[in-house]
Amino acid sequence: MVMPPDPNSTLMPPRGWRLWWTAARPRTLTLAATPVLAGSALAWSEGAPLHLMPALAALCGALLIQVGTNLHNDAADFESGNDGEERVGPTRVTAAGWAHPRAVRMAALSAFALAVALGGYLVAVGGWPILAIGIASLLAGWAYSGGPRPVSHTPFGEVLVWLFFGLVAVAGSHYLQSGGLAASALVTGSALGLLAAAVLLVNNTRDRVGDLAAGRRTLAAVLGPERARRAYALMVLLPFMAPFPLAFGEPLRPGALLALLALLRGLVLIRAFGRAEGAALNEVLASTARLCFVFGLLLAVGVLL
């Protein structure tokens, strides 16, 4: 059974794999991949041996959890009435009537199940710390949109993103390669987590009016437009402090300063976010996700130079 088409959607419904690719929100997937790449690169730069299979498994697991979270959010927001007619963000497959909520939920569960299967291998490699990280990540993916008090309805969504797309993901990836925890992983995780949180802040600023009408008290809704712009500027600028302790700490990795090449783009986005409203924020959101990826990639390449 498919839901009635959304009369506001002028798009032709995608079919087959294109439907599920749309539902997975591919523009957000780099947010899951970047911390795995950065954490692994940090460990290798510190002398850890290359464990390619655990790195690939961690990358796939992170992507699957992100896909599962996006699918679960798609169905949950529709069923709770949050994806209404006033929505100005990209089309969601459930709200558009392209897929039944039950099918989207089953797809989310399938993604989580595959992540659990990969997690079994990673636990065999990394032991109980990886088990704890995996369980916490799955619970976070569910809690973001699920349960009686979804985190996405509160001002703490950005905190959850900072923690799991930053600290946990980078430190966990570093641990899989090195077997230990390093300050460099925490510094890098904090930086990438802030950039990922900035993506969510743009999303919630765009949806602020609808969220307030639906009773959602996101950080953007609580702060209001002006303070949200200041918070975004901090989330974008603070990560550019991270390359300095990596470059001049022990071991010396001056290549980490390569990440500063992304600073100009960050300044452009701060200006764009201050001027954009409504649907124009969709491009700022996508560009902020790209900034996170470029910053993380430059940092990963730089520490290996």
Protein backbone atom coordinates (compact mmCIF):
# COMPACT_ATOMS: atom_id res chain seq x y z
CA MET A 1 0.00 0.00 0.00
CA VAL A 2 1.32 3.44 -0.93
CA MET A 3 0.21 6.65 0.74
CA PRO A 4 -1.76 9.22 -1.32
CA PRO A 5 0.61 11.44 -3.29
CA ASP A 6 1.61 14.72 -1.74
CA PRO A 7 -0.23 17.41 -3.76
CA ASN A 8 2.69 19.79 -3.16
CA SER A 9 5.21 17.45 -4.77
CA THR A 10 5.77 18.18 -8.47
CA LEU A 11 8.49 15.57 -8.80
CA MET A 12 8.03 12.33 -10.70
CA PRO A 13 8.13 9.51 -8.15
CA PRO A 14 11.38 7.56 -8.38
CA ARG A 15 11.12 3.79 -8.56
CA GLY A 16 13.24 0.80 -7.61
CA TRP A 17 16.69 1.55 -6.26
CA ARG A 18 16.28 5.26 -7.05
CA LEU A 19 13.43 5.47 -4.54
CA TRP A 20 15.57 4.01 -1.76
CA TRP A 21 18.59 6.06 -2.78
CA THR A 22 16.45 9.18 -2.39
CA ALA A 23 15.14 7.95 0.96
CA ALA A 24 18.69 7.29 2.21
CA ARG A 25 19.52 11.04 1.78
CA PRO A 26 22.88 10.52 0.05
CA ARG A 27 24.00 14.09 0.73
CA THR A 28 24.24 13.25 4.44
CA LEU A 29 26.24 10.05 4.06
CA THR A 30 29.62 11.80 3.93
CA LEU A 31 28.97 12.86 7.54
CA ALA A 32 29.17 9.18 8.52
CA ALA A 33 32.14 8.33 6.31
CA THR A 34 34.41 11.28 7.13
CA PRO A 35 35.12 10.50 10.82
CA VAL A 36 36.01 6.89 9.98
CA LEU A 37 38.53 8.05 7.39
CA ALA A 38 39.97 10.68 9.71
CA GLY A 39 40.23 8.41 12.75
CA SER A 40 41.93 5.66 10.75
CA ALA A 41 44.37 8.11 9.14
CA LEU A 42 45.30 9.54 12.55
CA ALA A 43 46.10 6.08 13.88
CA TRP A 44 48.26 5.25 10.86
CA SER A 45 50.10 8.56 11.18
CA GLU A 46 50.96 7.59 14.76
CA GLY A 47 52.53 4.29 13.68
CA ALA A 48 49.58 1.91 13.92
CA PRO A 49 49.66 -0.92 11.35
CA LEU A 50 47.20 -0.82 8.47
CA HIS A 51 44.15 -2.99 9.27
CA LEU A 52 42.23 -2.54 6.04
CA MET A 53 39.30 -4.93 6.63
CA PRO A 54 38.30 -3.43 10.00
CA ALA A 55 38.52 0.05 8.47
CA LEU A 56 36.25 -0.96 5.57
CA ALA A 57 33.83 -2.72 7.92
CA ALA A 58 33.69 0.36 10.17
CA LEU A 59 33.05 2.57 7.14
CA CYS A 60 30.22 0.37 5.89
CA GLY A 61 28.75 0.05 9.38
CA ALA A 62 28.75 3.82 9.88
CA LEU A 63 27.04 4.34 6.52
CA LEU A 64 24.40 1.70 7.32
CA ILE A 65 23.60 3.29 10.68
CA GLN A 66 23.26 6.67 8.96
CA VAL A 67 20.98 5.21 6.29
CA GLY A 68 18.88 3.45 8.94
CA THR A 69 18.58 6.66 10.94
CA ASN A 70 17.52 8.64 7.86
CA LEU A 71 14.89 6.05 6.90
CA HIS A 72 13.54 5.83 10.43
CA ASN A 73 13.37 9.63 10.59
CA ASP A 74 11.54 9.74 7.23
CA ALA A 75 8.73 7.49 8.46
CA ALA A 76 8.61 8.81 12.02
CA ASP A 77 8.35 12.47 11.00
CA PHE A 78 5.52 11.68 8.61
CA GLU A 79 3.57 9.67 11.18
CA SER A 80 4.02 12.36 13.84
CA GLY A 81 2.79 15.06 11.46
CA ASN A 82 6.09 16.94 11.34
CA ASP A 83 6.49 16.65 7.56
CA GLY A 84 3.46 18.74 6.70
CA GLU A 85 2.45 20.96 3.80
CA GLU A 86 4.66 23.81 5.03
CA ARG A 87 7.85 21.77 4.67
CA VAL A 88 10.46 23.50 2.49
CA GLY A 89 13.18 20.87 2.70
CA PRO A 90 13.94 18.11 0.19
CA THR A 91 11.07 15.72 -0.49
CA ARG A 92 10.69 12.81 1.91
CA VAL A 93 9.50 9.57 0.33
CA THR A 94 6.89 8.80 3.00
CA ALA A 95 5.37 12.29 3.09
CA ALA A 96 5.33 12.40 -0.73
CA GLY A 97 3.34 9.18 -0.86
CA TRP A 98 6.10 7.33 -2.70
CA ALA A 99 6.46 4.61 -0.05
CA HIS A 100 4.36 3.32 2.83
CA PRO A 101 5.71 4.08 6.32
CA ARG A 102 5.81 0.36 7.09
CA ALA A 103 8.06 -0.31 4.11
CA VAL A 104 10.36 2.56 5.07
CA ARG A 105 10.56 1.29 8.65
CA MET A 106 11.41 -2.21 7.41
CA ALA A 107 14.16 -0.76 5.24
CA ALA A 108 15.51 1.09 8.28
CA LEU A 109 15.50 -2.10 10.34
CA SER A 110 17.29 -3.92 7.51
CA ALA A 111 20.02 -1.28 7.47
CA PHE A 112 20.42 -1.52 11.24
CA ALA A 113 20.50 -5.33 11.04
CA LEU A 114 23.30 -5.24 8.46
CA ALA A 115 25.18 -2.81 10.69
CA VAL A 116 24.81 -5.25 13.58
CA ALA A 117 26.18 -8.07 11.42
CA LEU A 118 29.24 -6.00 10.56
CA GLY A 119 29.48 -5.02 14.21
CA GLY A 120 29.93 -8.66 15.16
CA TYR A 121 33.11 -8.78 13.11
CA LEU A 122 34.32 -5.47 14.53
CA VAL A 123 33.70 -6.67 18.10
CA ALA A 124 35.80 -9.76 17.34
CA VAL A 125 38.58 -7.40 16.25
CA GLY A 126 38.26 -4.64 18.82
CA GLY A 127 36.62 -6.26 21.83
CA TRP A 128 34.12 -4.81 24.31
CA PRO A 129 34.88 -1.10 23.64
CA ILE A 130 33.67 -1.59 20.05
CA LEU A 131 30.63 -3.48 21.33
CA ALA A 132 29.76 -0.55 23.60
CA ILE A 133 30.24 1.94 20.76
CA GLY A 134 28.08 -0.13 18.42
CA ILE A 135 25.21 -0.52 20.87
CA ALA A 136 25.33 3.18 21.78
CA SER A 137 25.35 4.20 18.09
CA LEU A 138 22.34 2.02 17.28
CA LEU A 139 20.42 3.34 20.27
CA ALA A 140 21.29 6.90 19.27
CA GLY A 141 20.08 6.26 15.72
CA TRP A 142 16.75 5.02 17.08
CA ALA A 143 16.41 7.65 19.81
CA TYR A 144 16.91 10.54 17.39
CA SER A 145 13.41 10.08 15.95
CA GLY A 146 11.91 7.28 18.07
CA GLY A 147 10.52 6.75 21.53
CA PRO A 148 8.18 8.94 23.59
CA ARG A 149 10.63 11.87 23.57
CA PRO A 150 12.64 11.89 20.32
CA VAL A 151 15.91 13.77 20.58
CA SER A 152 15.09 15.48 17.27
CA HIS A 153 12.23 17.27 19.06
CA THR A 154 14.57 18.80 21.66
CA PRO A 155 17.49 21.27 21.67
CA PHE A 156 19.93 18.37 22.14
CA GLY A 157 20.00 17.03 18.58
CA GLU A 158 23.21 18.91 17.80
CA VAL A 159 24.82 17.51 20.97
CA LEU A 160 23.95 13.96 19.87
CA VAL A 161 25.38 14.62 16.41
CA TRP A 162 28.57 16.16 17.85
CA LEU A 163 29.03 13.13 20.09
CA PHE A 164 28.33 10.31 17.62
CA PHE A 165 29.42 11.88 14.31
CA GLY A 166 32.48 13.30 16.00
CA LEU A 167 34.00 11.96 19.20
CA VAL A 168 32.62 8.42 19.12
CA ALA A 169 33.13 7.82 15.39
CA VAL A 170 36.68 9.18 15.22
CA ALA A 171 37.82 7.65 18.52
CA GLY A 172 36.24 4.29 17.65
CA SER A 173 37.89 4.20 14.21
CA HIS A 174 41.22 5.18 15.76
CA TYR A 175 40.86 2.43 18.39
CA LEU A 176 40.18 -0.23 15.75
CA GLN A 177 43.53 0.55 14.12
CA SER A 178 45.67 1.34 17.17
CA GLY A 179 44.06 -0.52 20.06
CA GLY A 180 44.16 2.65 22.17
CA LEU A 181 42.75 6.12 22.62
CA ALA A 182 44.73 9.24 21.75
CA ALA A 183 44.19 12.94 22.37
CA SER A 184 44.46 13.50 18.62
CA ALA A 185 41.30 11.45 18.09
CA LEU A 186 39.38 13.54 20.62
CA VAL A 187 40.57 16.81 19.06
CA THR A 188 39.66 15.66 15.56
CA GLY A 189 36.39 14.13 16.71
CA SER A 190 35.35 17.36 18.37
CA ALA A 191 36.12 19.31 15.20
CA LEU A 192 34.24 17.00 12.83
CA GLY A 193 31.37 16.70 15.29
CA LEU A 194 30.93 20.47 15.34
CA LEU A 195 30.77 20.63 11.55
CA ALA A 196 28.22 17.80 11.49
CA ALA A 197 26.19 19.61 14.15
CA ALA A 198 26.29 22.73 11.96
CA VAL A 199 24.56 20.73 9.22
CA LEU A 200 21.73 19.84 11.59
CA LEU A 201 21.49 23.44 12.79
CA VAL A 202 20.94 24.61 9.20
CA ASN A 203 18.30 21.91 8.74
CA ASN A 204 16.44 22.95 11.89
CA THR A 205 16.74 26.66 11.11
CA ARG A 206 15.07 26.02 7.76
CA ASP A 207 12.28 24.03 9.46
CA ARG A 208 11.99 26.27 12.54
CA VAL A 209 8.47 27.60 11.90
CA GLY A 210 7.00 24.19 11.15
CA ASP A 211 8.83 22.63 14.08
CA LEU A 212 7.42 25.19 16.50
CA ALA A 213 3.92 24.62 15.13
CA ALA A 214 4.36 20.88 15.68
CA GLY A 215 5.68 21.38 19.24
CA ARG A 216 9.31 20.60 18.41
CA ARG A 217 11.76 22.67 20.48
CA THR A 218 14.94 22.23 18.44
CA LEU A 219 18.05 24.27 19.15
CA ALA A 220 17.26 26.56 16.22
CA ALA A 221 13.72 27.07 17.52
CA VAL A 222 14.98 27.90 21.01
CA LEU A 223 17.75 30.24 19.84
CA GLY A 224 15.85 32.10 17.14
CA PRO A 225 17.37 33.16 13.79
CA GLU A 226 19.98 35.64 15.02
CA ARG A 227 21.48 33.49 17.77
CA ALA A 228 21.30 30.45 15.49
CA ARG A 229 23.51 32.32 13.02
CA ARG A 230 26.05 33.03 15.77
CA ALA A 231 25.98 29.39 16.87
CA TYR A 232 26.52 28.28 13.27
CA ALA A 233 29.52 30.59 12.93
CA LEU A 234 31.09 29.07 16.05
CA MET A 235 30.41 25.52 14.85
CA VAL A 236 32.11 26.28 11.53
CA LEU A 237 35.08 28.29 12.83
CA LEU A 238 36.12 26.35 15.95
CA PRO A 239 37.08 23.18 14.02
CA PHE A 240 39.83 25.14 12.26
CA MET A 241 41.71 25.29 15.56
CA ALA A 242 42.14 21.50 15.49
CA PRO A 243 44.91 21.30 12.84
CA PHE A 244 47.35 23.25 15.04
CA PRO A 245 47.75 20.78 17.95
CA LEU A 246 47.88 17.96 15.40
CA ALA A 247 50.55 19.72 13.36
CA PHE A 248 52.83 20.74 16.22
CA GLY A 249 52.15 18.04 18.80
CA GLU A 250 53.81 14.66 19.16
CA PRO A 251 54.35 13.29 16.57
CA LEU A 252 54.87 16.33 14.38
CA ARG A 253 52.37 16.35 11.51
CA PRO A 254 52.65 19.72 9.79
CA GLY A 255 50.57 18.36 6.92
CA ALA A 256 47.52 18.69 9.18
CA LEU A 257 47.56 22.39 8.33
CA LEU A 258 46.34 21.37 4.88
CA ALA A 259 42.84 21.38 6.37
CA LEU A 260 43.06 25.18 6.68
CA LEU A 261 42.51 25.35 2.92
CA ALA A 262 38.81 24.80 3.66
CA LEU A 263 38.60 27.90 5.89
CA LEU A 264 37.69 30.28 3.08
CA ARG A 265 34.76 28.07 2.15
CA GLY A 266 33.67 28.10 5.76
CA LEU A 267 33.67 31.90 5.84
CA VAL A 268 31.62 31.99 2.64
CA LEU A 269 29.06 29.65 4.19
CA ILE A 270 28.78 31.72 7.37
CA ARG A 271 27.91 34.70 5.20
CA ALA A 272 25.47 32.64 3.11
CA PHE A 273 23.73 31.26 6.18
CA GLY A 274 23.25 34.77 7.50
CA ARG A 275 21.42 35.79 4.34
CA ALA A 276 19.51 32.67 3.27
CA GLU A 277 15.97 31.84 4.31
CA GLY A 278 13.48 29.05 3.62
CA ALA A 279 14.28 26.78 0.70
CA ALA A 280 17.53 28.68 0.01
CA LEU A 281 18.92 27.02 3.14
CA ASN A 282 18.85 23.65 1.36
CA GLU A 283 21.97 24.59 -0.57
CA VAL A 284 23.65 25.94 2.57
CA LEU A 285 22.91 22.59 4.26
CA ALA A 286 24.40 20.56 1.40
CA SER A 287 27.42 22.88 1.22
CA THR A 288 28.02 22.57 4.97
CA ALA A 289 28.02 18.77 4.63
CA ARG A 290 30.56 19.11 1.81
CA LEU A 291 32.67 21.42 3.98
CA CYS A 292 32.76 18.75 6.70
CA PHE A 293 33.89 16.15 4.17
CA VAL A 294 36.53 18.37 2.57
CA PHE A 295 37.89 19.46 5.97
CA GLY A 296 38.07 15.85 7.18
CA LEU A 297 39.60 14.57 3.95
CA LEU A 298 42.26 17.30 3.90
CA LEU A 299 43.05 16.58 7.52
CA ALA A 300 43.31 12.83 6.89
CA VAL A 301 45.57 13.31 3.86
CA GLY A 302 47.60 15.96 5.67
CA VAL A 303 48.48 13.86 8.73
CA LEU A 304 49.67 11.07 6.43
CA LEU A 305 52.02 13.30 4.43
